[in-house]
């Protein structure tokens, strides 16, 4: 009698523990279906060898939560007041493209080979937008001086968001026909990449540009190209937000030139490779500097955009 009283509470406790241990939600429903199938097969006298196996994979897939793709576009200002940097948290220049950047300077370039871009074509169609620059994971949009960001920025946000959420390719690769000119301002390969034919000095220049200077330039929404080293002078080309920035000359002379000359004794100076638009911007900046110097006095030092940038290199 006493043994039965001990067994029954123990059995009840075991049953309650088993009930509490049953999984809940999706897995609980699958577990319950399996238990019922097993019980009904035993009551019908079906052996384990002939009993059909319960397929739970599709049921689990039905209840599996679907992943949602979140879009967060961050905007950063640049030293160039006419350029804004957009970070869409998405790869912009495809990994299959050898060059680290692509620059579109007119509407035709957005549809021409080798790297046409539907998004760039839409951005260039916005009234006031003059250039679109693609970095590895960012987009820099340049506007005309008389355009207002208040009117342009919301439309840029909308187009970038739509392009990413729709899954369309930001950059497509198109084969260039024989004799056809490149539509974009880009190179077939990264100018700072290693080349076995480079001299020791050129190799050091490229390494310094790649590791110390390019990250700072990209942070400002641009990039830099190495165009050559001749008679002690390094030829460089600024891209993106830095291309039409009034302070690009200051950046090259006070920042990049100072750093290269400090670490590599063979370097005597830096030459900036410019197109016509950049030359006009530099001339206007020189006039502005001269005007400020006249207002401050003959002993006034040239102005720089700010601290902690390539425009000021510690001695």
C-alpha atoms as a PDB file:
ATOM      1  CA  UNK A   1       0.000   0.000   0.000  1.00  0.00           C
ATOM      2  CA  UNK A   2       2.711   2.406   0.988  1.00  0.00           C
ATOM      3  CA  UNK A   3       4.741   1.551  -2.103  1.00  0.00           C
ATOM      4  CA  UNK A   4       1.765   2.411  -4.352  1.00  0.00           C
ATOM      5  CA  UNK A   5       1.380   5.776  -2.635  1.00  0.00           C
ATOM      6  CA  UNK A   6       5.040   6.496  -3.348  1.00  0.00           C
ATOM      7  CA  UNK A   7       4.867   5.365  -6.976  1.00  0.00           C
ATOM      8  CA  UNK A   8       1.778   7.407  -7.923  1.00  0.00           C
ATOM      9  CA  UNK A   9       3.133  10.811  -6.813  1.00  0.00           C
ATOM     10  CA  UNK A  10       6.411  10.013  -8.544  1.00  0.00           C
ATOM     11  CA  UNK A  11       4.568   9.137 -11.747  1.00  0.00           C
ATOM     12  CA  UNK A  12       2.484  12.302 -11.492  1.00  0.00           C
ATOM     13  CA  UNK A  13       5.627  14.370 -10.938  1.00  0.00           C
ATOM     14  CA  UNK A  14       7.305  12.751 -13.943  1.00  0.00           C
ATOM     15  CA  UNK A  15       4.233  13.425 -16.085  1.00  0.00           C
ATOM     16  CA  UNK A  16       4.125  17.076 -14.996  1.00  0.00           C
ATOM     17  CA  UNK A  17       7.851  17.469 -15.658  1.00  0.00           C
ATOM     18  CA  UNK A  18       7.427  15.984 -19.120  1.00  0.00           C
ATOM     19  CA  UNK A  19       4.591  18.380 -19.889  1.00  0.00           C
ATOM     20  CA  UNK A  20       6.661  21.359 -18.778  1.00  0.00           C
ATOM     21  CA  UNK A  21       9.629  20.192 -20.850  1.00  0.00           C
ATOM     22  CA  UNK A  22       7.661  20.133 -24.086  1.00  0.00           C
ATOM     23  CA  UNK A  23       8.854  22.831 -26.469  1.00  0.00           C
ATOM     24  CA  UNK A  24       6.477  25.624 -27.354  1.00  0.00           C
ATOM     25  CA  UNK A  25       5.632  27.697 -30.450  1.00  0.00           C
ATOM     26  CA  UNK A  26       6.658  26.313 -33.849  1.00  0.00           C
ATOM     27  CA  UNK A  27       8.799  23.465 -32.593  1.00  0.00           C
ATOM     28  CA  UNK A  28       6.115  22.569 -30.025  1.00  0.00           C
ATOM     29  CA  UNK A  29       3.528  22.126 -32.775  1.00  0.00           C
ATOM     30  CA  UNK A  30       5.890  19.899 -34.741  1.00  0.00           C
ATOM     31  CA  UNK A  31       6.642  17.905 -31.585  1.00  0.00           C
ATOM     32  CA  UNK A  32       2.921  17.435 -30.861  1.00  0.00           C
ATOM     33  CA  UNK A  33       2.227  16.311 -34.430  1.00  0.00           C
ATOM     34  CA  UNK A  34       5.012  13.738 -34.207  1.00  0.00           C
ATOM     35  CA  UNK A  35       3.711  12.440 -30.862  1.00  0.00           C
ATOM     36  CA  UNK A  36       0.166  12.050 -32.196  1.00  0.00           C
ATOM     37  CA  UNK A  37       1.396  10.279 -35.322  1.00  0.00           C
ATOM     38  CA  UNK A  38       3.436   7.889 -33.203  1.00  0.00           C
ATOM     39  CA  UNK A  39       0.479   7.186 -30.867  1.00  0.00           C
ATOM     40  CA  UNK A  40      -2.010   6.580 -33.691  1.00  0.00           C
ATOM     41  CA  UNK A  41       0.365   4.219 -35.473  1.00  0.00           C
ATOM     42  CA  UNK A  42       0.754   2.133 -32.323  1.00  0.00           C
ATOM     43  CA  UNK A  43      -3.015   1.928 -31.835  1.00  0.00           C
ATOM     44  CA  UNK A  44      -3.431   0.742 -35.426  1.00  0.00           C
ATOM     45  CA  UNK A  45      -0.786  -1.939 -34.972  1.00  0.00           C
ATOM     46  CA  UNK A  46       1.649  -0.478 -37.499  1.00  0.00           C
ATOM     47  CA  UNK A  47       5.215  -1.557 -36.875  1.00  0.00           C
ATOM     48  CA  UNK A  48       8.087   0.893 -36.759  1.00  0.00           C
ATOM     49  CA  UNK A  49       9.507  -0.578 -39.961  1.00  0.00           C
ATOM     50  CA  UNK A  50       6.404   0.193 -42.022  1.00  0.00           C
ATOM     51  CA  UNK A  51       5.360   3.378 -40.259  1.00  0.00           C
ATOM     52  CA  UNK A  52       5.777   6.424 -42.539  1.00  0.00           C
ATOM     53  CA  UNK A  53       8.319   8.986 -41.426  1.00  0.00           C
ATOM     54  CA  UNK A  54       6.899  12.344 -40.418  1.00  0.00           C
ATOM     55  CA  UNK A  55       8.288  15.080 -42.672  1.00  0.00           C
ATOM     56  CA  UNK A  56       8.863  18.187 -40.561  1.00  0.00           C
ATOM     57  CA  UNK A  57      11.236  20.150 -42.790  1.00  0.00           C
ATOM     58  CA  UNK A  58       8.608  21.945 -44.859  1.00  0.00           C
ATOM     59  CA  UNK A  59       6.552  22.733 -41.776  1.00  0.00           C
ATOM     60  CA  UNK A  60       9.551  24.285 -40.073  1.00  0.00           C
ATOM     61  CA  UNK A  61      10.288  26.325 -43.193  1.00  0.00           C
ATOM     62  CA  UNK A  62       6.703  27.584 -43.198  1.00  0.00           C
ATOM     63  CA  UNK A  63       7.023  28.978 -39.703  1.00  0.00           C
ATOM     64  CA  UNK A  64      10.616  30.226 -40.100  1.00  0.00           C
ATOM     65  CA  UNK A  65      10.854  33.994 -39.704  1.00  0.00           C
ATOM     66  CA  UNK A  66      11.663  35.874 -42.848  1.00  0.00           C
ATOM     67  CA  UNK A  67      14.702  38.131 -42.732  1.00  0.00           C
ATOM     68  CA  UNK A  68      14.014  41.782 -43.372  1.00  0.00           C
ATOM     69  CA  UNK A  69      16.581  43.918 -45.173  1.00  0.00           C
ATOM     70  CA  UNK A  70      17.194  47.164 -43.340  1.00  0.00           C
ATOM     71  CA  UNK A  71      18.351  50.287 -45.157  1.00  0.00           C
ATOM     72  CA  UNK A  72      20.278  52.958 -43.314  1.00  0.00           C
ATOM     73  CA  UNK A  73      21.859  55.708 -45.409  1.00  0.00           C
ATOM     74  CA  UNK A  74      24.276  57.990 -43.609  1.00  0.00           C
ATOM     75  CA  UNK A  75      25.302  61.397 -44.912  1.00  0.00           C
ATOM     76  CA  UNK A  76      28.655  63.034 -44.251  1.00  0.00           C
ATOM     77  CA  UNK A  77      29.806  66.509 -45.190  1.00  0.00           C
ATOM     78  CA  UNK A  78      33.103  66.984 -47.022  1.00  0.00           C
ATOM     79  CA  UNK A  79      35.643  69.836 -47.166  1.00  0.00           C
ATOM     80  CA  UNK A  80      33.996  70.708 -50.480  1.00  0.00           C
ATOM     81  CA  UNK A  81      30.706  72.533 -49.711  1.00  0.00           C
ATOM     82  CA  UNK A  82      29.352  71.450 -53.107  1.00  0.00           C
ATOM     83  CA  UNK A  83      29.842  67.721 -52.428  1.00  0.00           C
ATOM     84  CA  UNK A  84      28.068  65.340 -50.047  1.00  0.00           C
ATOM     85  CA  UNK A  85      29.082  61.792 -49.169  1.00  0.00           C
ATOM     86  CA  UNK A  86      26.370  59.119 -48.849  1.00  0.00           C
ATOM     87  CA  UNK A  87      27.061  55.776 -47.134  1.00  0.00           C
ATOM     88  CA  UNK A  88      24.296  53.282 -48.034  1.00  0.00           C
ATOM     89  CA  UNK A  89      25.721  50.398 -45.952  1.00  0.00           C
ATOM     90  CA  UNK A  90      26.036  48.499 -49.220  1.00  0.00           C
ATOM     91  CA  UNK A  91      28.841  47.617 -51.626  1.00  0.00           C
ATOM     92  CA  UNK A  92      28.868  50.228 -54.396  1.00  0.00           C
ATOM     93  CA  UNK A  93      31.773  49.375 -56.720  1.00  0.00           C
ATOM     94  CA  UNK A  94      31.536  45.627 -57.488  1.00  0.00           C
ATOM     95  CA  UNK A  95      34.332  43.379 -56.248  1.00  0.00           C
ATOM     96  CA  UNK A  96      34.808  42.167 -59.826  1.00  0.00           C
ATOM     97  CA  UNK A  97      35.906  45.664 -60.914  1.00  0.00           C
ATOM     98  CA  UNK A  98      39.663  46.222 -60.620  1.00  0.00           C
ATOM     99  CA  UNK A  99      39.469  49.976 -60.077  1.00  0.00           C
ATOM    100  CA  UNK A 100      38.537  51.233 -56.573  1.00  0.00           C
ATOM    101  CA  UNK A 101      36.371  54.080 -57.894  1.00  0.00           C
ATOM    102  CA  UNK A 102      34.174  55.158 -60.818  1.00  0.00           C
ATOM    103  CA  UNK A 103      33.404  58.790 -61.623  1.00  0.00           C
ATOM    104  CA  UNK A 104      30.583  60.096 -63.824  1.00  0.00           C
ATOM    105  CA  UNK A 105      31.000  63.696 -64.993  1.00  0.00           C
ATOM    106  CA  UNK A 106      28.131  63.979 -67.492  1.00  0.00           C
ATOM    107  CA  UNK A 107      24.859  62.184 -68.335  1.00  0.00           C
ATOM    108  CA  UNK A 108      26.382  60.354 -71.304  1.00  0.00           C
ATOM    109  CA  UNK A 109      29.010  58.727 -69.103  1.00  0.00           C
ATOM    110  CA  UNK A 110      26.296  57.009 -67.041  1.00  0.00           C
ATOM    111  CA  UNK A 111      25.174  54.867 -69.999  1.00  0.00           C
ATOM    112  CA  UNK A 112      28.510  54.401 -71.783  1.00  0.00           C
ATOM    113  CA  UNK A 113      30.819  51.395 -71.337  1.00  0.00           C
ATOM    114  CA  UNK A 114      32.603  49.953 -69.526  1.00  0.00           C
ATOM    115  CA  UNK A 115      30.656  50.733 -66.309  1.00  0.00           C
ATOM    116  CA  UNK A 116      27.185  52.149 -67.030  1.00  0.00           C
ATOM    117  CA  UNK A 117      25.038  52.833 -63.974  1.00  0.00           C
ATOM    118  CA  UNK A 118      21.239  53.271 -63.887  1.00  0.00           C
ATOM    119  CA  UNK A 119      21.489  54.910 -60.458  1.00  0.00           C
ATOM    120  CA  UNK A 120      24.119  57.400 -61.639  1.00  0.00           C
ATOM    121  CA  UNK A 121      21.910  58.229 -64.632  1.00  0.00           C
ATOM    122  CA  UNK A 122      19.010  59.012 -62.305  1.00  0.00           C
ATOM    123  CA  UNK A 123      21.195  61.082 -59.980  1.00  0.00           C
ATOM    124  CA  UNK A 124      22.655  63.063 -62.882  1.00  0.00           C
ATOM    125  CA  UNK A 125      19.121  63.859 -64.060  1.00  0.00           C
ATOM    126  CA  UNK A 126      18.485  65.830 -60.853  1.00  0.00           C
ATOM    127  CA  UNK A 127      18.604  69.542 -61.542  1.00  0.00           C
ATOM    128  CA  UNK A 128      21.841  70.928 -60.084  1.00  0.00           C
ATOM    129  CA  UNK A 129      23.843  67.668 -59.866  1.00  0.00           C
ATOM    130  CA  UNK A 130      27.088  67.898 -61.847  1.00  0.00           C
ATOM    131  CA  UNK A 131      28.991  64.709 -60.928  1.00  0.00           C
ATOM    132  CA  UNK A 132      28.542  61.320 -59.257  1.00  0.00           C
ATOM    133  CA  UNK A 133      31.460  59.452 -57.707  1.00  0.00           C
ATOM    134  CA  UNK A 134      31.389  55.809 -56.599  1.00  0.00           C
ATOM    135  CA  UNK A 135      33.835  54.642 -53.943  1.00  0.00           C
ATOM    136  CA  UNK A 136      34.062  51.089 -52.588  1.00  0.00           C
ATOM    137  CA  UNK A 137      31.161  51.603 -50.167  1.00  0.00           C
ATOM    138  CA  UNK A 138      30.094  55.221 -50.597  1.00  0.00           C
ATOM    139  CA  UNK A 139      28.587  57.614 -53.136  1.00  0.00           C
ATOM    140  CA  UNK A 140      29.682  61.243 -53.472  1.00  0.00           C
ATOM    141  CA  UNK A 141      27.350  63.638 -55.261  1.00  0.00           C
ATOM    142  CA  UNK A 142      28.633  67.020 -56.441  1.00  0.00           C
ATOM    143  CA  UNK A 143      26.307  69.918 -57.224  1.00  0.00           C
ATOM    144  CA  UNK A 144      26.685  73.251 -58.962  1.00  0.00           C
ATOM    145  CA  UNK A 145      27.530  76.210 -56.673  1.00  0.00           C
ATOM    146  CA  UNK A 146      24.137  77.852 -57.210  1.00  0.00           C
ATOM    147  CA  UNK A 147      22.120  74.718 -56.317  1.00  0.00           C
ATOM    148  CA  UNK A 148      20.726  74.170 -52.811  1.00  0.00           C
ATOM    149  CA  UNK A 149      21.191  70.920 -50.866  1.00  0.00           C
ATOM    150  CA  UNK A 150      17.814  71.441 -49.200  1.00  0.00           C
ATOM    151  CA  UNK A 151      16.130  70.746 -52.541  1.00  0.00           C
ATOM    152  CA  UNK A 152      18.556  68.119 -53.866  1.00  0.00           C
ATOM    153  CA  UNK A 153      19.320  65.866 -50.898  1.00  0.00           C
ATOM    154  CA  UNK A 154      15.807  64.366 -50.372  1.00  0.00           C
ATOM    155  CA  UNK A 155      15.656  63.240 -53.993  1.00  0.00           C
ATOM    156  CA  UNK A 156      19.145  61.712 -53.756  1.00  0.00           C
ATOM    157  CA  UNK A 157      18.076  59.797 -50.635  1.00  0.00           C
ATOM    158  CA  UNK A 158      14.985  58.510 -52.407  1.00  0.00           C
ATOM    159  CA  UNK A 159      16.853  57.296 -55.498  1.00  0.00           C
ATOM    160  CA  UNK A 160      19.618  55.537 -53.538  1.00  0.00           C
ATOM    161  CA  UNK A 161      17.104  53.845 -51.230  1.00  0.00           C
ATOM    162  CA  UNK A 162      14.974  52.679 -54.147  1.00  0.00           C
ATOM    163  CA  UNK A 163      18.009  51.308 -56.008  1.00  0.00           C
ATOM    164  CA  UNK A 164      19.185  49.251 -53.032  1.00  0.00           C
ATOM    165  CA  UNK A 165      15.800  47.947 -51.887  1.00  0.00           C
ATOM    166  CA  UNK A 166      14.832  46.925 -55.425  1.00  0.00           C
ATOM    167  CA  UNK A 167      17.997  44.845 -55.721  1.00  0.00           C
ATOM    168  CA  UNK A 168      19.071  46.422 -58.991  1.00  0.00           C
ATOM    169  CA  UNK A 169      22.775  46.501 -59.830  1.00  0.00           C
ATOM    170  CA  UNK A 170      24.328  49.853 -59.029  1.00  0.00           C
ATOM    171  CA  UNK A 171      27.083  49.300 -61.589  1.00  0.00           C
ATOM    172  CA  UNK A 172      26.825  47.066 -64.642  1.00  0.00           C
ATOM    173  CA  UNK A 173      29.767  45.883 -66.724  1.00  0.00           C
ATOM    174  CA  UNK A 174      29.486  46.508 -70.455  1.00  0.00           C
ATOM    175  CA  UNK A 175      31.974  45.437 -73.101  1.00  0.00           C
ATOM    176  CA  UNK A 176      33.638  48.321 -74.894  1.00  0.00           C
ATOM    177  CA  UNK A 177      33.656  48.247 -78.675  1.00  0.00           C
ATOM    178  CA  UNK A 178      36.902  48.641 -80.609  1.00  0.00           C
ATOM    179  CA  UNK A 179      37.918  52.289 -80.841  1.00  0.00           C
ATOM    180  CA  UNK A 180      35.224  53.404 -78.402  1.00  0.00           C
ATOM    181  CA  UNK A 181      36.321  55.802 -75.677  1.00  0.00           C
ATOM    182  CA  UNK A 182      35.685  55.192 -71.989  1.00  0.00           C
ATOM    183  CA  UNK A 183      32.576  56.913 -70.711  1.00  0.00           C
ATOM    184  CA  UNK A 184      33.718  57.155 -67.101  1.00  0.00           C
ATOM    185  CA  UNK A 185      36.663  58.779 -65.362  1.00  0.00           C
ATOM    186  CA  UNK A 186      38.329  55.620 -64.133  1.00  0.00           C
ATOM    187  CA  UNK A 187      41.279  53.338 -64.789  1.00  0.00           C
ATOM    188  CA  UNK A 188      41.438  49.720 -65.880  1.00  0.00           C
ATOM    189  CA  UNK A 189      43.233  48.893 -62.625  1.00  0.00           C
ATOM    190  CA  UNK A 190      44.141  50.532 -59.342  1.00  0.00           C
ATOM    191  CA  UNK A 191      47.038  52.940 -59.921  1.00  0.00           C
ATOM    192  CA  UNK A 192      48.310  52.237 -56.395  1.00  0.00           C
ATOM    193  CA  UNK A 193      48.421  48.467 -56.835  1.00  0.00           C
ATOM    194  CA  UNK A 194      51.726  46.615 -56.822  1.00  0.00           C
ATOM    195  CA  UNK A 195      53.581  46.347 -60.109  1.00  0.00           C
ATOM    196  CA  UNK A 196      56.692  44.212 -60.415  1.00  0.00           C
ATOM    197  CA  UNK A 197      58.176  46.732 -62.857  1.00  0.00           C
ATOM    198  CA  UNK A 198      58.048  49.578 -60.319  1.00  0.00           C
ATOM    199  CA  UNK A 199      61.294  50.898 -58.891  1.00  0.00           C
ATOM    200  CA  UNK A 200      61.929  50.772 -55.161  1.00  0.00           C
ATOM    201  CA  UNK A 201      61.084  54.465 -54.769  1.00  0.00           C
ATOM    202  CA  UNK A 202      57.827  54.163 -56.719  1.00  0.00           C
ATOM    203  CA  UNK A 203      56.902  51.142 -54.616  1.00  0.00           C
ATOM    204  CA  UNK A 204      57.435  53.149 -51.420  1.00  0.00           C
ATOM    205  CA  UNK A 205      55.402  56.065 -52.819  1.00  0.00           C
ATOM    206  CA  UNK A 206      52.500  53.777 -53.702  1.00  0.00           C
ATOM    207  CA  UNK A 207      52.597  52.079 -50.313  1.00  0.00           C
ATOM    208  CA  UNK A 208      52.521  55.405 -48.483  1.00  0.00           C
ATOM    209  CA  UNK A 209      49.687  56.692 -50.669  1.00  0.00           C
ATOM    210  CA  UNK A 210      47.718  53.475 -50.167  1.00  0.00           C
ATOM    211  CA  UNK A 211      48.146  53.108 -46.402  1.00  0.00           C
ATOM    212  CA  UNK A 212      48.386  56.675 -45.100  1.00  0.00           C
ATOM    213  CA  UNK A 213      46.853  59.064 -47.626  1.00  0.00           C
ATOM    214  CA  UNK A 214      44.078  57.235 -49.499  1.00  0.00           C
ATOM    215  CA  UNK A 215      42.044  56.446 -46.330  1.00  0.00           C
ATOM    216  CA  UNK A 216      41.966  60.149 -45.439  1.00  0.00           C
ATOM    217  CA  UNK A 217      40.998  61.143 -48.992  1.00  0.00           C
ATOM    218  CA  UNK A 218      38.224  58.518 -49.078  1.00  0.00           C
ATOM    219  CA  UNK A 219      37.002  59.762 -45.716  1.00  0.00           C
ATOM    220  CA  UNK A 220      36.423  63.108 -47.425  1.00  0.00           C
ATOM    221  CA  UNK A 221      34.431  61.483 -50.245  1.00  0.00           C
ATOM    222  CA  UNK A 222      37.188  61.224 -52.850  1.00  0.00           C
ATOM    223  CA  UNK A 223      40.166  59.194 -53.985  1.00  0.00           C
ATOM    224  CA  UNK A 224      43.647  59.641 -55.386  1.00  0.00           C
ATOM    225  CA  UNK A 225      45.455  58.411 -58.489  1.00  0.00           C
ATOM    226  CA  UNK A 226      49.185  57.948 -58.967  1.00  0.00           C
ATOM    227  CA  UNK A 227      50.162  59.262 -62.408  1.00  0.00           C
ATOM    228  CA  UNK A 228      53.939  58.902 -62.279  1.00  0.00           C
ATOM    229  CA  UNK A 229      57.268  59.801 -60.686  1.00  0.00           C
ATOM    230  CA  UNK A 230      59.749  61.801 -62.732  1.00  0.00           C
ATOM    231  CA  UNK A 231      62.864  63.716 -61.708  1.00  0.00           C
ATOM    232  CA  UNK A 232      61.875  63.688 -58.043  1.00  0.00           C
ATOM    233  CA  UNK A 233      58.303  64.890 -58.566  1.00  0.00           C
ATOM    234  CA  UNK A 234      55.179  62.798 -57.966  1.00  0.00           C
ATOM    235  CA  UNK A 235      52.204  63.371 -60.279  1.00  0.00           C
ATOM    236  CA  UNK A 236      48.844  62.835 -58.589  1.00  0.00           C
ATOM    237  CA  UNK A 237      45.204  63.211 -59.565  1.00  0.00           C
ATOM    238  CA  UNK A 238      42.457  63.901 -57.016  1.00  0.00           C
ATOM    239  CA  UNK A 239      38.984  62.462 -57.569  1.00  0.00           C
ATOM    240  CA  UNK A 240      35.462  62.780 -56.202  1.00  0.00           C
ATOM    241  CA  UNK A 241      34.783  65.561 -53.719  1.00  0.00           C
ATOM    242  CA  UNK A 242      38.466  66.540 -53.819  1.00  0.00           C
ATOM    243  CA  UNK A 243      38.467  67.061 -57.584  1.00  0.00           C
ATOM    244  CA  UNK A 244      36.745  70.462 -57.558  1.00  0.00           C
ATOM    245  CA  UNK A 245      37.491  71.404 -53.967  1.00  0.00           C
ATOM    246  CA  UNK A 246      39.002  74.872 -53.597  1.00  0.00           C
ATOM    247  CA  UNK A 247      41.468  73.581 -51.017  1.00  0.00           C
ATOM    248  CA  UNK A 248      42.793  70.711 -53.161  1.00  0.00           C
ATOM    249  CA  UNK A 249      46.060  72.571 -53.795  1.00  0.00           C
ATOM    250  CA  UNK A 250      46.514  73.128 -50.068  1.00  0.00           C
ATOM    251  CA  UNK A 251      45.835  69.443 -49.464  1.00  0.00           C
ATOM    252  CA  UNK A 252      48.475  68.415 -51.981  1.00  0.00           C
ATOM    253  CA  UNK A 253      51.148  70.910 -50.978  1.00  0.00           C
ATOM    254  CA  UNK A 254      50.774  71.139 -47.205  1.00  0.00           C
ATOM    255  CA  UNK A 255      49.556  67.588 -46.664  1.00  0.00           C
ATOM    256  CA  UNK A 256      50.495  64.973 -49.243  1.00  0.00           C
ATOM    257  CA  UNK A 257      53.709  66.620 -50.435  1.00  0.00           C
ATOM    258  CA  UNK A 258      54.916  67.181 -46.881  1.00  0.00           C
ATOM    259  CA  UNK A 259      54.238  63.576 -45.906  1.00  0.00           C
ATOM    260  CA  UNK A 260      55.930  62.085 -48.993  1.00  0.00           C
ATOM    261  CA  UNK A 261      59.000  64.300 -48.613  1.00  0.00           C
ATOM    262  CA  UNK A 262      59.203  63.478 -44.916  1.00  0.00           C
ATOM    263  CA  UNK A 263      59.280  59.696 -45.401  1.00  0.00           C
ATOM    264  CA  UNK A 264      60.939  59.395 -48.841  1.00  0.00           C
ATOM    265  CA  UNK A 265      64.027  61.538 -49.347  1.00  0.00           C
ATOM    266  CA  UNK A 266      63.998  61.055 -53.134  1.00  0.00           C
ATOM    267  CA  UNK A 267      60.727  63.007 -53.405  1.00  0.00           C
ATOM    268  CA  UNK A 268      61.243  66.712 -54.140  1.00  0.00           C
ATOM    269  CA  UNK A 269      57.618  67.703 -54.579  1.00  0.00           C
ATOM    270  CA  UNK A 270      54.142  66.886 -55.890  1.00  0.00           C
ATOM    271  CA  UNK A 271      52.470  67.955 -59.120  1.00  0.00           C
ATOM    272  CA  UNK A 272      48.684  67.957 -59.394  1.00  0.00           C
ATOM    273  CA  UNK A 273      47.196  66.675 -62.643  1.00  0.00           C
ATOM    274  CA  UNK A 274      44.134  68.817 -63.363  1.00  0.00           C
ATOM    275  CA  UNK A 275      41.468  69.175 -66.004  1.00  0.00           C
ATOM    276  CA  UNK A 276      40.025  72.513 -67.122  1.00  0.00           C
ATOM    277  CA  UNK A 277      37.325  72.638 -64.448  1.00  0.00           C
ATOM    278  CA  UNK A 278      39.849  71.985 -61.698  1.00  0.00           C
ATOM    279  CA  UNK A 279      42.209  74.654 -63.011  1.00  0.00           C
ATOM    280  CA  UNK A 280      39.405  77.217 -62.818  1.00  0.00           C
ATOM    281  CA  UNK A 281      38.620  76.181 -59.236  1.00  0.00           C
ATOM    282  CA  UNK A 282      42.282  76.494 -58.236  1.00  0.00           C
ATOM    283  CA  UNK A 283      42.551  79.933 -59.840  1.00  0.00           C
ATOM    284  CA  UNK A 284      39.454  81.124 -57.998  1.00  0.00           C
ATOM    285  CA  UNK A 285      40.829  79.799 -54.722  1.00  0.00           C
ATOM    286  CA  UNK A 286      44.149  81.567 -55.344  1.00  0.00           C
ATOM    287  CA  UNK A 287      42.281  84.839 -55.857  1.00  0.00           C
ATOM    288  CA  UNK A 288      40.348  84.253 -52.647  1.00  0.00           C
ATOM    289  CA  UNK A 289      43.567  83.517 -50.722  1.00  0.00           C
ATOM    290  CA  UNK A 290      45.180  86.683 -52.050  1.00  0.00           C
ATOM    291  CA  UNK A 291      42.156  88.742 -51.049  1.00  0.00           C
ATOM    292  CA  UNK A 292      42.259  87.344 -47.508  1.00  0.00           C
ATOM    293  CA  UNK A 293      45.993  87.966 -47.277  1.00  0.00           C
ATOM    294  CA  UNK A 294      45.511  91.596 -48.256  1.00  0.00           C
ATOM    295  CA  UNK A 295      42.821  92.005 -45.613  1.00  0.00           C
ATOM    296  CA  UNK A 296      44.900  90.373 -42.863  1.00  0.00           C
ATOM    297  CA  UNK A 297      48.199  91.944 -43.837  1.00  0.00           C
ATOM    298  CA  UNK A 298      51.368  90.872 -45.676  1.00  0.00           C
ATOM    299  CA  UNK A 299      52.561  88.610 -42.835  1.00  0.00           C
ATOM    300  CA  UNK A 300      49.374  86.504 -42.745  1.00  0.00           C
ATOM    301  CA  UNK A 301      49.881  82.778 -43.317  1.00  0.00           C
ATOM    302  CA  UNK A 302      47.841  80.927 -45.969  1.00  0.00           C
ATOM    303  CA  UNK A 303      44.570  79.601 -44.582  1.00  0.00           C
ATOM    304  CA  UNK A 304      43.831  75.893 -44.306  1.00  0.00           C
ATOM    305  CA  UNK A 305      40.423  74.169 -44.131  1.00  0.00           C
ATOM    306  CA  UNK A 306      40.855  72.680 -40.676  1.00  0.00           C
ATOM    307  CA  UNK A 307      42.796  70.661 -38.154  1.00  0.00           C
ATOM    308  CA  UNK A 308      43.529  66.930 -38.109  1.00  0.00           C
ATOM    309  CA  UNK A 309      43.433  66.607 -41.888  1.00  0.00           C
ATOM    310  CA  UNK A 310      45.957  66.157 -44.661  1.00  0.00           C
ATOM    311  CA  UNK A 311      46.111  69.923 -44.970  1.00  0.00           C
ATOM    312  CA  UNK A 312      48.345  70.127 -41.914  1.00  0.00           C
ATOM    313  CA  UNK A 313      51.167  67.658 -41.372  1.00  0.00           C
ATOM    314  CA  UNK A 314      53.190  67.795 -38.153  1.00  0.00           C
ATOM    315  CA  UNK A 315      56.889  68.351 -38.577  1.00  0.00           C
END
